[in-house]
Structures are given as C-alpha cells and as structure tokens.
PDB file of all heavy atoms in Angstrom:
ATOM      1  N   SER A   1     160.746 116.321 -14.019  1.00  0.00           N
ATOM      2  CA  SER A   1     160.180 117.584 -14.361  1.00  0.00           C
ATOM      3  C   SER A   1     159.962 117.776 -15.796  1.00  0.00           C
ATOM      4  O   SER A   1     158.913 118.136 -16.239  1.00  0.00           O
ATOM      5  CB  SER A   1     161.008 118.836 -13.671  1.00  0.00           C
ATOM      6  OG  SER A   1     160.470 119.990 -14.192  1.00  0.00           O
ATOM      7  N   ALA A   2     161.092 117.592 -16.636  1.00  0.00           N
ATOM      8  CA  ALA A   2     160.963 117.749 -17.993  1.00  0.00           C
ATOM      9  C   ALA A   2     159.977 116.749 -18.708  1.00  0.00           C
ATOM     10  O   ALA A   2     159.183 117.037 -19.496  1.00  0.00           O
ATOM     11  CB  ALA A   2     162.344 117.525 -18.646  1.00  0.00           C
ATOM     12  N   ARG A   3     159.891 115.574 -18.102  1.00  0.00           N
ATOM     13  CA  ARG A   3     158.966 114.579 -18.576  1.00  0.00           C
ATOM     14  C   ARG A   3     157.515 115.089 -18.306  1.00  0.00           C
ATOM     15  O   ARG A   3     156.664 114.950 -19.198  1.00  0.00           O
ATOM     16  CB  ARG A   3     159.144 113.084 -17.945  1.00  0.00           C
ATOM     17  CG  ARG A   3     158.044 112.163 -18.445  1.00  0.00           C
ATOM     18  CD  ARG A   3     158.193 110.844 -17.930  1.00  0.00           C
ATOM     19  NE  ARG A   3     158.294 110.569 -16.591  1.00  0.00           N
ATOM     20  CZ  ARG A   3     158.410 109.424 -15.999  1.00  0.00           C
ATOM     21  NH1 ARG A   3     158.444 108.277 -16.775  1.00  0.00           N
ATOM     22  NH2 ARG A   3     158.485 109.301 -14.740  1.00  0.00           N
ATOM     23  N   HIS A   4     157.251 115.544 -17.167  1.00  0.00           N
ATOM     24  CA  HIS A   4     155.864 115.951 -16.722  1.00  0.00           C
ATOM     25  C   HIS A   4     155.446 117.134 -17.629  1.00  0.00           C
ATOM     26  O   HIS A   4     154.303 117.131 -18.053  1.00  0.00           O
ATOM     27  CB  HIS A   4     155.936 116.355 -15.343  1.00  0.00           C
ATOM     28  CG  HIS A   4     154.703 116.842 -14.883  1.00  0.00           C
ATOM     29  ND1 HIS A   4     153.526 115.925 -14.596  1.00  0.00           N
ATOM     30  CD2 HIS A   4     154.167 118.076 -14.511  1.00  0.00           C
ATOM     31  CE1 HIS A   4     152.531 116.605 -14.127  1.00  0.00           C
ATOM     32  NE2 HIS A   4     152.817 117.798 -14.131  1.00  0.00           N
ATOM     33  N   GLU A   5     156.416 117.987 -17.857  1.00  0.00           N
ATOM     34  CA  GLU A   5     156.031 119.111 -18.763  1.00  0.00           C
ATOM     35  C   GLU A   5     155.849 118.654 -20.172  1.00  0.00           C
ATOM     36  O   GLU A   5     154.867 119.209 -20.886  1.00  0.00           O
ATOM     37  CB  GLU A   5     157.256 120.240 -18.785  1.00  0.00           C
ATOM     38  CG  GLU A   5     157.283 121.033 -17.450  1.00  0.00           C
ATOM     39  CD  GLU A   5     158.446 121.896 -17.425  1.00  0.00           C
ATOM     40  OE1 GLU A   5     158.943 122.300 -18.577  1.00  0.00           O
ATOM     41  OE2 GLU A   5     158.900 122.359 -16.458  1.00  0.00           O
ATOM     42  N   LEU A   6     156.532 117.718 -20.735  1.00  0.00           N
ATOM     43  CA  LEU A   6     156.297 117.261 -22.084  1.00  0.00           C
ATOM     44  C   LEU A   6     154.995 116.473 -22.154  1.00  0.00           C
ATOM     45  O   LEU A   6     154.298 116.678 -23.170  1.00  0.00           O
ATOM     46  CB  LEU A   6     157.509 116.305 -22.485  1.00  0.00           C
ATOM     47  CG  LEU A   6     157.449 115.654 -23.826  1.00  0.00           C
ATOM     48  CD1 LEU A   6     157.412 116.763 -24.969  1.00  0.00           C
ATOM     49  CD2 LEU A   6     158.646 114.755 -24.017  1.00  0.00           C
ATOM     50  N   ASN A   7     154.724 115.609 -21.108  1.00  0.00           N
ATOM     51  CA  ASN A   7     153.527 114.846 -21.231  1.00  0.00           C
ATOM     52  C   ASN A   7     152.254 115.869 -21.168  1.00  0.00           C
ATOM     53  O   ASN A   7     151.200 115.548 -21.685  1.00  0.00           O
ATOM     54  CB  ASN A   7     153.412 113.878 -20.023  1.00  0.00           C
ATOM     55  CG  ASN A   7     154.285 112.692 -20.325  1.00  0.00           C
ATOM     56  OD1 ASN A   7     154.746 112.382 -21.334  1.00  0.00           O
ATOM     57  ND2 ASN A   7     154.627 111.916 -19.117  1.00  0.00           N
ATOM     58  N   ALA A   8     152.313 117.011 -20.510  1.00  0.00           N
ATOM     59  CA  ALA A   8     151.300 117.882 -20.483  1.00  0.00           C
ATOM     60  C   ALA A   8     150.827 118.522 -21.737  1.00  0.00           C
ATOM     61  O   ALA A   8     149.680 118.889 -21.957  1.00  0.00           O
ATOM     62  CB  ALA A   8     151.644 119.092 -19.454  1.00  0.00           C
ATOM     63  N   VAL A   9     151.777 118.396 -22.765  1.00  0.00           N
ATOM     64  CA  VAL A   9     151.459 118.923 -24.075  1.00  0.00           C
ATOM     65  C   VAL A   9     151.704 117.936 -25.191  1.00  0.00           C
ATOM     66  O   VAL A   9     151.655 118.316 -26.443  1.00  0.00           O
ATOM     67  CB  VAL A   9     152.192 120.291 -24.367  1.00  0.00           C
ATOM     68  CG1 VAL A   9     151.898 121.491 -23.466  1.00  0.00           C
ATOM     69  CG2 VAL A   9     153.690 119.934 -24.297  1.00  0.00           C
ATOM     70  N   SER A  10     151.630 116.699 -24.903  1.00  0.00           N
ATOM     71  CA  SER A  10     151.935 115.692 -25.767  1.00  0.00           C
ATOM     72  C   SER A  10     150.927 115.647 -26.941  1.00  0.00           C
ATOM     73  O   SER A  10     151.191 115.290 -28.091  1.00  0.00           O
ATOM     74  CB  SER A  10     152.152 114.260 -25.193  1.00  0.00           C
ATOM     75  OG  SER A  10     150.963 113.947 -24.561  1.00  0.00           O
ATOM     76  N   HIS A  11     149.732 115.983 -26.521  1.00  0.00           N
ATOM     77  CA  HIS A  11     148.617 115.931 -27.559  1.00  0.00           C
ATOM     78  C   HIS A  11     148.752 116.969 -28.767  1.00  0.00           C
ATOM     79  O   HIS A  11     148.331 116.860 -29.794  1.00  0.00           O
ATOM     80  CB  HIS A  11     147.262 116.215 -26.884  1.00  0.00           C
ATOM     81  CG  HIS A  11     147.260 117.567 -26.379  1.00  0.00           C
ATOM     82  ND1 HIS A  11     147.857 117.846 -25.073  1.00  0.00           N
ATOM     83  CD2 HIS A  11     146.756 118.709 -26.797  1.00  0.00           C
ATOM     84  CE1 HIS A  11     147.628 119.157 -24.839  1.00  0.00           C
ATOM     85  NE2 HIS A  11     146.982 119.705 -25.837  1.00  0.00           N
ATOM     86  N   ALA A  12     149.615 118.010 -28.438  1.00  0.00           N
ATOM     87  CA  ALA A  12     149.805 119.026 -29.498  1.00  0.00           C
ATOM     88  C   ALA A  12     150.895 118.817 -30.425  1.00  0.00           C
ATOM     89  O   ALA A  12     151.056 119.539 -31.390  1.00  0.00           O
ATOM     90  CB  ALA A  12     150.157 120.349 -28.745  1.00  0.00           C
ATOM     91  N   ARG A  13     151.600 117.613 -30.272  1.00  0.00           N
ATOM     92  CA  ARG A  13     152.742 117.308 -31.190  1.00  0.00           C
ATOM     93  C   ARG A  13     152.359 117.300 -32.597  1.00  0.00           C
ATOM     94  O   ARG A  13     153.208 117.667 -33.486  1.00  0.00           O
ATOM     95  CB  ARG A  13     153.238 115.881 -30.705  1.00  0.00           C
ATOM     96  CG  ARG A  13     154.391 115.391 -31.509  1.00  0.00           C
ATOM     97  CD  ARG A  13     154.932 114.104 -30.904  1.00  0.00           C
ATOM     98  NE  ARG A  13     153.908 113.160 -30.937  1.00  0.00           N
ATOM     99  CZ  ARG A  13     153.503 112.349 -31.983  1.00  0.00           C
ATOM    100  NH1 ARG A  13     154.130 112.517 -33.192  1.00  0.00           N
ATOM    101  NH2 ARG A  13     152.575 111.432 -31.939  1.00  0.00           N
ATOM    102  N   ILE A  14     151.236 116.894 -32.936  1.00  0.00           N
ATOM    103  CA  ILE A  14     150.836 116.815 -34.393  1.00  0.00           C
ATOM    104  C   ILE A  14     149.732 117.894 -34.786  1.00  0.00           C
ATOM    105  O   ILE A  14     148.956 117.626 -35.762  1.00  0.00           O
ATOM    106  CB  ILE A  14     150.490 115.467 -34.891  1.00  0.00           C
ATOM    107  CG1 ILE A  14     149.286 114.987 -34.005  1.00  0.00           C
ATOM    108  CG2 ILE A  14     151.663 114.551 -34.790  1.00  0.00           C
ATOM    109  CD1 ILE A  14     148.728 113.587 -34.566  1.00  0.00           C
ATOM    110  N   LEU A  15     149.562 118.933 -33.938  1.00  0.00           N
ATOM    111  CA  LEU A  15     148.508 119.919 -34.216  1.00  0.00           C
ATOM    112  C   LEU A  15     149.114 121.315 -34.309  1.00  0.00           C
ATOM    113  O   LEU A  15     149.120 122.141 -33.465  1.00  0.00           O
ATOM    114  CB  LEU A  15     147.516 119.915 -32.945  1.00  0.00           C
ATOM    115  CG  LEU A  15     146.888 118.596 -32.629  1.00  0.00           C
ATOM    116  CD1 LEU A  15     146.089 118.712 -31.372  1.00  0.00           C
ATOM    117  CD2 LEU A  15     145.964 118.243 -33.769  1.00  0.00           C
ATOM    118  N   PRO A  16     149.731 121.553 -35.560  1.00  0.00           N
ATOM    119  CA  PRO A  16     150.351 122.811 -35.747  1.00  0.00           C
ATOM    120  C   PRO A  16     149.582 124.108 -35.732  1.00  0.00           C
ATOM    121  O   PRO A  16     150.075 125.126 -35.455  1.00  0.00           O
ATOM    122  CB  PRO A  16     150.987 122.610 -37.143  1.00  0.00           C
ATOM    123  CG  PRO A  16     150.330 121.603 -37.807  1.00  0.00           C
ATOM    124  CD  PRO A  16     149.778 120.707 -36.713  1.00  0.00           C
ATOM    125  N   GLU A  17     148.213 123.894 -35.747  1.00  0.00           N
ATOM    126  CA  GLU A  17     147.320 124.939 -35.737  1.00  0.00           C
ATOM    127  C   GLU A  17     147.097 125.385 -34.254  1.00  0.00           C
ATOM    128  O   GLU A  17     146.496 126.530 -33.982  1.00  0.00           O
ATOM    129  CB  GLU A  17     146.042 124.697 -36.352  1.00  0.00           C
ATOM    130  CG  GLU A  17     145.187 123.617 -35.575  1.00  0.00           C
ATOM    131  CD  GLU A  17     145.619 122.165 -35.990  1.00  0.00           C
ATOM    132  OE1 GLU A  17     146.443 121.915 -36.801  1.00  0.00           O
ATOM    133  OE2 GLU A  17     144.877 121.279 -35.427  1.00  0.00           O
ATOM    134  N   THR A  18     147.595 124.720 -33.135  1.00  0.00           N
ATOM    135  CA  THR A  18     147.429 125.143 -31.757  1.00  0.00           C
ATOM    136  C   THR A  18     148.603 125.926 -31.274  1.00  0.00           C
ATOM    137  O   THR A  18     149.732 125.809 -31.848  1.00  0.00           O
ATOM    138  CB  THR A  18     147.268 123.858 -30.925  1.00  0.00           C
ATOM    139  OG1 THR A  18     148.495 123.178 -30.850  1.00  0.00           O
ATOM    140  CG2 THR A  18     146.126 122.970 -31.493  1.00  0.00           C
ATOM    141  N   GLY A  19     148.381 126.740 -30.307  1.00  0.00           N
ATOM    142  CA  GLY A  19     149.419 127.511 -29.595  1.00  0.00           C
ATOM    143  C   GLY A  19     150.386 126.588 -28.871  1.00  0.00           C
ATOM    144  O   GLY A  19     151.490 126.907 -28.636  1.00  0.00           O
ATOM    145  N   GLU A  20     149.927 125.413 -28.454  1.00  0.00           N
ATOM    146  CA  GLU A  20     150.787 124.464 -27.696  1.00  0.00           C
ATOM    147  C   GLU A  20     151.792 123.697 -28.577  1.00  0.00           C
ATOM    148  O   GLU A  20     152.668 123.059 -28.023  1.00  0.00           O
ATOM    149  CB  GLU A  20     149.919 123.448 -27.039  1.00  0.00           C
ATOM    150  CG  GLU A  20     149.097 124.036 -25.917  1.00  0.00           C
ATOM    151  CD  GLU A  20     148.184 123.056 -25.154  1.00  0.00           C
ATOM    152  OE1 GLU A  20     147.562 122.166 -25.811  1.00  0.00           O
ATOM    153  OE2 GLU A  20     148.220 122.994 -23.921  1.00  0.00           O
ATOM    154  N   TYR A  21     151.625 123.750 -29.922  1.00  0.00           N
ATOM    155  CA  TYR A  21     152.569 123.086 -30.827  1.00  0.00           C
ATOM    156  C   TYR A  21     153.955 123.502 -30.631  1.00  0.00           C
ATOM    157  O   TYR A  21     154.833 122.647 -30.481  1.00  0.00           O
ATOM    158  CB  TYR A  21     151.969 123.311 -32.295  1.00  0.00           C
ATOM    159  CG  TYR A  21     152.943 122.673 -33.410  1.00  0.00           C
ATOM    160  CD1 TYR A  21     152.760 121.331 -33.619  1.00  0.00           C
ATOM    161  CD2 TYR A  21     153.818 123.432 -34.017  1.00  0.00           C
ATOM    162  CE1 TYR A  21     153.498 120.793 -34.551  1.00  0.00           C
ATOM    163  CE2 TYR A  21     154.491 122.815 -35.118  1.00  0.00           C
ATOM    164  CZ  TYR A  21     154.397 121.463 -35.376  1.00  0.00           C
ATOM    165  OH  TYR A  21     155.127 120.874 -36.354  1.00  0.00           O
ATOM    166  N   LYS A  22     154.188 124.796 -30.505  1.00  0.00           N
ATOM    167  CA  LYS A  22     155.495 125.322 -30.276  1.00  0.00           C
ATOM    168  C   LYS A  22     155.984 124.887 -28.919  1.00  0.00           C
ATOM    169  O   LYS A  22     157.212 124.552 -28.684  1.00  0.00           O
ATOM    170  CB  LYS A  22     155.645 126.781 -30.400  1.00  0.00           C
ATOM    171  CG  LYS A  22     156.932 127.433 -30.237  1.00  0.00           C
ATOM    172  CD  LYS A  22     156.952 128.861 -30.499  1.00  0.00           C
ATOM    173  CE  LYS A  22     158.366 129.376 -30.250  1.00  0.00           C
ATOM    174  NZ  LYS A  22     158.537 130.976 -30.373  1.00  0.00           N
ATOM    175  N   ASP A  23     155.090 124.920 -27.866  1.00  0.00           N
ATOM    176  CA  ASP A  23     155.495 124.494 -26.550  1.00  0.00           C
ATOM    177  C   ASP A  23     155.944 123.004 -26.558  1.00  0.00           C
ATOM    178  O   ASP A  23     156.811 122.610 -25.791  1.00  0.00           O
ATOM    179  CB  ASP A  23     154.340 124.678 -25.596  1.00  0.00           C
ATOM    180  CG  ASP A  23     154.036 125.990 -25.179  1.00  0.00           C
ATOM    181  OD1 ASP A  23     154.902 126.896 -25.354  1.00  0.00           O
ATOM    182  OD2 ASP A  23     152.854 126.230 -24.712  1.00  0.00           O
ATOM    183  N   TYR A  24     155.202 122.141 -27.320  1.00  0.00           N
ATOM    184  CA  TYR A  24     155.650 120.723 -27.421  1.00  0.00           C
ATOM    185  C   TYR A  24     157.015 120.711 -27.819  1.00  0.00           C
ATOM    186  O   TYR A  24     157.835 119.930 -27.139  1.00  0.00           O
ATOM    187  CB  TYR A  24     154.708 119.948 -28.355  1.00  0.00           C
ATOM    188  CG  TYR A  24     155.286 118.542 -28.520  1.00  0.00           C
ATOM    189  CD1 TYR A  24     154.893 117.677 -27.549  1.00  0.00           C
ATOM    190  CD2 TYR A  24     156.104 118.219 -29.508  1.00  0.00           C
ATOM    191  CE1 TYR A  24     155.507 116.304 -27.638  1.00  0.00           C
ATOM    192  CE2 TYR A  24     156.652 117.022 -29.642  1.00  0.00           C
ATOM    193  CZ  TYR A  24     156.398 115.969 -28.689  1.00  0.00           C
ATOM    194  OH  TYR A  24     156.823 114.743 -28.718  1.00  0.00           O
ATOM    195  N   TYR A  25     157.512 121.310 -28.911  1.00  0.00           N
ATOM    196  CA  TYR A  25     158.858 121.167 -29.406  1.00  0.00           C
ATOM    197  C   TYR A  25     159.857 121.727 -28.408  1.00  0.00           C
ATOM    198  O   TYR A  25     160.942 121.150 -28.249  1.00  0.00           O
ATOM    199  CB  TYR A  25     159.034 121.765 -30.767  1.00  0.00           C
ATOM    200  CG  TYR A  25     158.337 120.763 -31.716  1.00  0.00           C
ATOM    201  CD1 TYR A  25     157.114 120.913 -32.165  1.00  0.00           C
ATOM    202  CD2 TYR A  25     159.045 119.648 -32.167  1.00  0.00           C
ATOM    203  CE1 TYR A  25     156.509 119.967 -33.144  1.00  0.00           C
ATOM    204  CE2 TYR A  25     158.468 118.660 -33.001  1.00  0.00           C
ATOM    205  CZ  TYR A  25     157.178 118.906 -33.503  1.00  0.00           C
ATOM    206  OH  TYR A  25     156.721 118.068 -34.270  1.00  0.00           O
ATOM    207  N   LEU A  26     159.632 122.744 -27.696  1.00  0.00           N
ATOM    208  CA  LEU A  26     160.486 123.295 -26.707  1.00  0.00           C
ATOM    209  C   LEU A  26     160.564 122.423 -25.526  1.00  0.00           C
ATOM    210  O   LEU A  26     161.764 122.076 -25.038  1.00  0.00           O
ATOM    211  CB  LEU A  26     160.014 124.651 -26.192  1.00  0.00           C
ATOM    212  CG  LEU A  26     160.035 125.869 -27.180  1.00  0.00           C
ATOM    213  CD1 LEU A  26     159.302 126.984 -26.698  1.00  0.00           C
ATOM    214  CD2 LEU A  26     161.534 126.068 -27.678  1.00  0.00           C
ATOM    215  N   ARG A  27     159.464 121.765 -25.085  1.00  0.00           N
ATOM    216  CA  ARG A  27     159.482 120.858 -24.009  1.00  0.00           C
ATOM    217  C   ARG A  27     160.143 119.461 -24.459  1.00  0.00           C
ATOM    218  O   ARG A  27     160.787 118.838 -23.621  1.00  0.00           O
ATOM    219  CB  ARG A  27     158.175 120.591 -23.508  1.00  0.00           C
ATOM    220  CG  ARG A  27     157.556 121.845 -22.783  1.00  0.00           C
ATOM    221  CD  ARG A  27     156.161 121.727 -22.271  1.00  0.00           C
ATOM    222  NE  ARG A  27     155.611 122.977 -21.800  1.00  0.00           N
ATOM    223  CZ  ARG A  27     154.499 123.054 -21.042  1.00  0.00           C
ATOM    224  NH1 ARG A  27     153.893 122.022 -20.927  1.00  0.00           N
ATOM    225  NH2 ARG A  27     154.087 124.249 -20.735  1.00  0.00           N
ATOM    226  N   HIS A  28     160.042 119.137 -25.686  1.00  0.00           N
ATOM    227  CA  HIS A  28     160.570 117.916 -26.189  1.00  0.00           C
ATOM    228  C   HIS A  28     162.123 118.038 -26.080  1.00  0.00           C
ATOM    229  O   HIS A  28     162.771 117.203 -25.659  1.00  0.00           O
ATOM    230  CB  HIS A  28     160.179 117.659 -27.744  1.00  0.00           C
ATOM    231  CG  HIS A  28     160.711 116.449 -28.326  1.00  0.00           C
ATOM    232  ND1 HIS A  28     161.773 116.518 -29.213  1.00  0.00           N
ATOM    233  CD2 HIS A  28     160.445 115.089 -28.127  1.00  0.00           C
ATOM    234  CE1 HIS A  28     161.989 115.262 -29.548  1.00  0.00           C
ATOM    235  NE2 HIS A  28     161.243 114.424 -28.878  1.00  0.00           N
ATOM    236  N   GLN A  29     162.594 119.193 -26.577  1.00  0.00           N
ATOM    237  CA  GLN A  29     164.154 119.416 -26.409  1.00  0.00           C
ATOM    238  C   GLN A  29     164.633 119.407 -25.075  1.00  0.00           C
ATOM    239  O   GLN A  29     165.566 118.887 -24.699  1.00  0.00           O
ATOM    240  CB  GLN A  29     164.427 120.761 -27.134  1.00  0.00           C
ATOM    241  CG  GLN A  29     166.007 121.003 -27.116  1.00  0.00           C
ATOM    242  CD  GLN A  29     166.278 122.190 -27.967  1.00  0.00           C
ATOM    243  OE1 GLN A  29     165.513 122.777 -28.728  1.00  0.00           O
ATOM    244  NE2 GLN A  29     167.606 122.431 -27.845  1.00  0.00           N
ATOM    245  N   LYS A  30     163.805 120.132 -24.172  1.00  0.00           N
ATOM    246  CA  LYS A  30     164.061 120.127 -22.711  1.00  0.00           C
ATOM    247  C   LYS A  30     164.160 118.718 -22.231  1.00  0.00           C
ATOM    248  O   LYS A  30     165.121 118.434 -21.359  1.00  0.00           O
ATOM    249  CB  LYS A  30     163.101 121.038 -22.020  1.00  0.00           C
ATOM    250  CG  LYS A  30     163.426 121.110 -20.549  1.00  0.00           C
ATOM    251  CD  LYS A  30     162.373 122.095 -19.878  1.00  0.00           C
ATOM    252  CE  LYS A  30     162.701 122.299 -18.336  1.00  0.00           C
ATOM    253  NZ  LYS A  30     161.674 123.074 -17.670  1.00  0.00           N
ATOM    254  N   PHE A  31     163.265 117.932 -22.557  1.00  0.00           N
ATOM    255  CA  PHE A  31     163.288 116.490 -22.063  1.00  0.00           C
ATOM    256  C   PHE A  31     164.520 115.762 -22.450  1.00  0.00           C
ATOM    257  O   PHE A  31     165.200 115.175 -21.647  1.00  0.00           O
ATOM    258  CB  PHE A  31     162.045 115.758 -22.616  1.00  0.00           C
ATOM    259  CG  PHE A  31     161.985 114.319 -22.196  1.00  0.00           C
ATOM    260  CD1 PHE A  31     161.787 113.923 -20.954  1.00  0.00           C
ATOM    261  CD2 PHE A  31     162.191 113.356 -23.209  1.00  0.00           C
ATOM    262  CE1 PHE A  31     161.826 112.463 -20.678  1.00  0.00           C
ATOM    263  CE2 PHE A  31     162.263 112.036 -23.043  1.00  0.00           C
ATOM    264  CZ  PHE A  31     162.093 111.590 -21.724  1.00  0.00           C
ATOM    265  N   HIS A  32     164.746 115.879 -23.802  1.00  0.00           N
ATOM    266  CA  HIS A  32     166.081 115.111 -24.219  1.00  0.00           C
ATOM    267  C   HIS A  32     167.295 115.716 -23.661  1.00  0.00           C
ATOM    268  O   HIS A  32     168.325 114.894 -23.356  1.00  0.00           O
ATOM    269  CB  HIS A  32     166.164 115.178 -25.831  1.00  0.00           C
ATOM    270  CG  HIS A  32     165.177 114.007 -26.392  1.00  0.00           C
ATOM    271  ND1 HIS A  32     165.608 112.823 -26.480  1.00  0.00           N
ATOM    272  CD2 HIS A  32     163.815 114.132 -26.833  1.00  0.00           C
ATOM    273  CE1 HIS A  32     164.535 112.079 -27.012  1.00  0.00           C
ATOM    274  NE2 HIS A  32     163.469 112.840 -27.216  1.00  0.00           N
ATOM    275  N   ASP A  33     167.388 116.975 -23.482  1.00  0.00           N
ATOM    276  CA  ASP A  33     168.444 117.714 -22.923  1.00  0.00           C
ATOM    277  C   ASP A  33     168.574 117.291 -21.362  1.00  0.00           C
ATOM    278  O   ASP A  33     169.745 117.028 -20.953  1.00  0.00           O
ATOM    279  CB  ASP A  33     168.370 119.188 -22.924  1.00  0.00           C
ATOM    280  CG  ASP A  33     168.582 119.813 -24.260  1.00  0.00           C
ATOM    281  OD1 ASP A  33     169.017 119.081 -25.221  1.00  0.00           O
ATOM    282  OD2 ASP A  33     168.228 120.985 -24.491  1.00  0.00           O
ATOM    283  N   ALA A  34     167.538 117.248 -20.712  1.00  0.00           N
ATOM    284  CA  ALA A  34     167.561 116.685 -19.286  1.00  0.00           C
ATOM    285  C   ALA A  34     168.095 115.289 -19.084  1.00  0.00           C
ATOM    286  O   ALA A  34     168.897 115.114 -18.181  1.00  0.00           O
ATOM    287  CB  ALA A  34     166.228 116.838 -18.690  1.00  0.00           C
ATOM    288  N   LEU A  35     167.721 114.456 -20.018  1.00  0.00           N
ATOM    289  CA  LEU A  35     168.276 113.015 -20.010  1.00  0.00           C
ATOM    290  C   LEU A  35     169.749 112.983 -19.898  1.00  0.00           C
ATOM    291  O   LEU A  35     170.341 112.120 -19.314  1.00  0.00           O
ATOM    292  CB  LEU A  35     167.701 112.254 -21.099  1.00  0.00           C
ATOM    293  CG  LEU A  35     166.245 111.851 -21.064  1.00  0.00           C
ATOM    294  CD1 LEU A  35     165.748 111.327 -22.397  1.00  0.00           C
ATOM    295  CD2 LEU A  35     165.978 110.834 -19.988  1.00  0.00           C
ATOM    296  N   VAL A  36     170.370 113.778 -20.764  1.00  0.00           N
ATOM    297  CA  VAL A  36     171.886 113.772 -20.894  1.00  0.00           C
ATOM    298  C   VAL A  36     172.543 114.821 -20.060  1.00  0.00           C
ATOM    299  O   VAL A  36     173.791 114.882 -20.100  1.00  0.00           O
ATOM    300  CB  VAL A  36     172.220 113.895 -22.370  1.00  0.00           C
ATOM    301  CG1 VAL A  36     171.616 112.767 -23.203  1.00  0.00           C
ATOM    302  CG2 VAL A  36     171.869 115.214 -23.008  1.00  0.00           C
ATOM    303  N   SER A  37     171.918 115.555 -19.363  1.00  0.00           N
ATOM    304  CA  SER A  37     172.409 116.727 -18.597  1.00  0.00           C
ATOM    305  C   SER A  37     173.460 116.294 -17.552  1.00  0.00           C
ATOM    306  O   SER A  37     174.274 117.171 -17.155  1.00  0.00           O
ATOM    307  CB  SER A  37     171.366 117.634 -17.991  1.00  0.00           C
ATOM    308  OG  SER A  37     170.635 116.789 -16.989  1.00  0.00           O
ATOM    309  N   ALA A  38     173.607 115.156 -17.185  1.00  0.00           N
ATOM    310  CA  ALA A  38     174.604 114.719 -16.183  1.00  0.00           C
ATOM    311  C   ALA A  38     175.784 114.137 -16.795  1.00  0.00           C
ATOM    312  O   ALA A  38     176.713 113.775 -16.150  1.00  0.00           O
ATOM    313  CB  ALA A  38     173.999 113.743 -15.181  1.00  0.00           C
ATOM    314  N   CYS A  39     175.795 114.157 -18.102  1.00  0.00           N
ATOM    315  CA  CYS A  39     176.944 113.683 -18.794  1.00  0.00           C
ATOM    316  C   CYS A  39     178.102 114.648 -18.582  1.00  0.00           C
ATOM    317  O   CYS A  39     178.113 115.805 -18.810  1.00  0.00           O
ATOM    318  CB  CYS A  39     176.676 113.567 -20.388  1.00  0.00           C
ATOM    319  SG  CYS A  39     178.157 113.060 -21.296  1.00  0.00           S
ATOM    320  N   PRO A  40     179.253 114.165 -18.119  1.00  0.00           N
ATOM    321  CA  PRO A  40     180.331 115.061 -17.678  1.00  0.00           C
ATOM    322  C   PRO A  40     181.179 115.567 -18.897  1.00  0.00           C
ATOM    323  O   PRO A  40     182.090 116.475 -18.598  1.00  0.00           O
ATOM    324  CB  PRO A  40     181.183 114.244 -16.742  1.00  0.00           C
ATOM    325  CG  PRO A  40     181.034 112.838 -17.215  1.00  0.00           C
ATOM    326  CD  PRO A  40     179.655 112.752 -17.754  1.00  0.00           C
ATOM    327  N   ASN A  41     181.025 115.064 -20.093  1.00  0.00           N
ATOM    328  CA  ASN A  41     181.900 115.464 -21.242  1.00  0.00           C
ATOM    329  C   ASN A  41     181.234 116.494 -21.991  1.00  0.00           C
ATOM    330  O   ASN A  41     180.308 116.173 -22.779  1.00  0.00           O
ATOM    331  CB  ASN A  41     182.249 114.195 -22.031  1.00  0.00           C
ATOM    332  CG  ASN A  41     183.136 114.432 -23.078  1.00  0.00           C
ATOM    333  OD1 ASN A  41     183.116 115.429 -23.732  1.00  0.00           O
ATOM    334  ND2 ASN A  41     184.147 113.454 -23.176  1.00  0.00           N
TER     335      ASN A  41
END
C-alpha cells in the first residue's frame, strides 16, 4: 500500500512548486516506515 501511494506521486519529488510535493515526502516516510514496521524491537 505504501509503495503504491508513493509511486502515485513520485513525479512530484523534485517539483516543490506543486501541491503534491509535500505529499511525496509524507508518502516517502510512510513507505520507509512500512518497510520496518514489523521489526519487534
């Protein structure tokens, strides 16, 4: 899910003038957080 959401706004990563720019960074963090979310420590 996090990967799909990130891919949907990947084009906005280097476009700070767009509204999706902020979404990219939120979804980027969500993606990286999801990857490690099953770490028990």
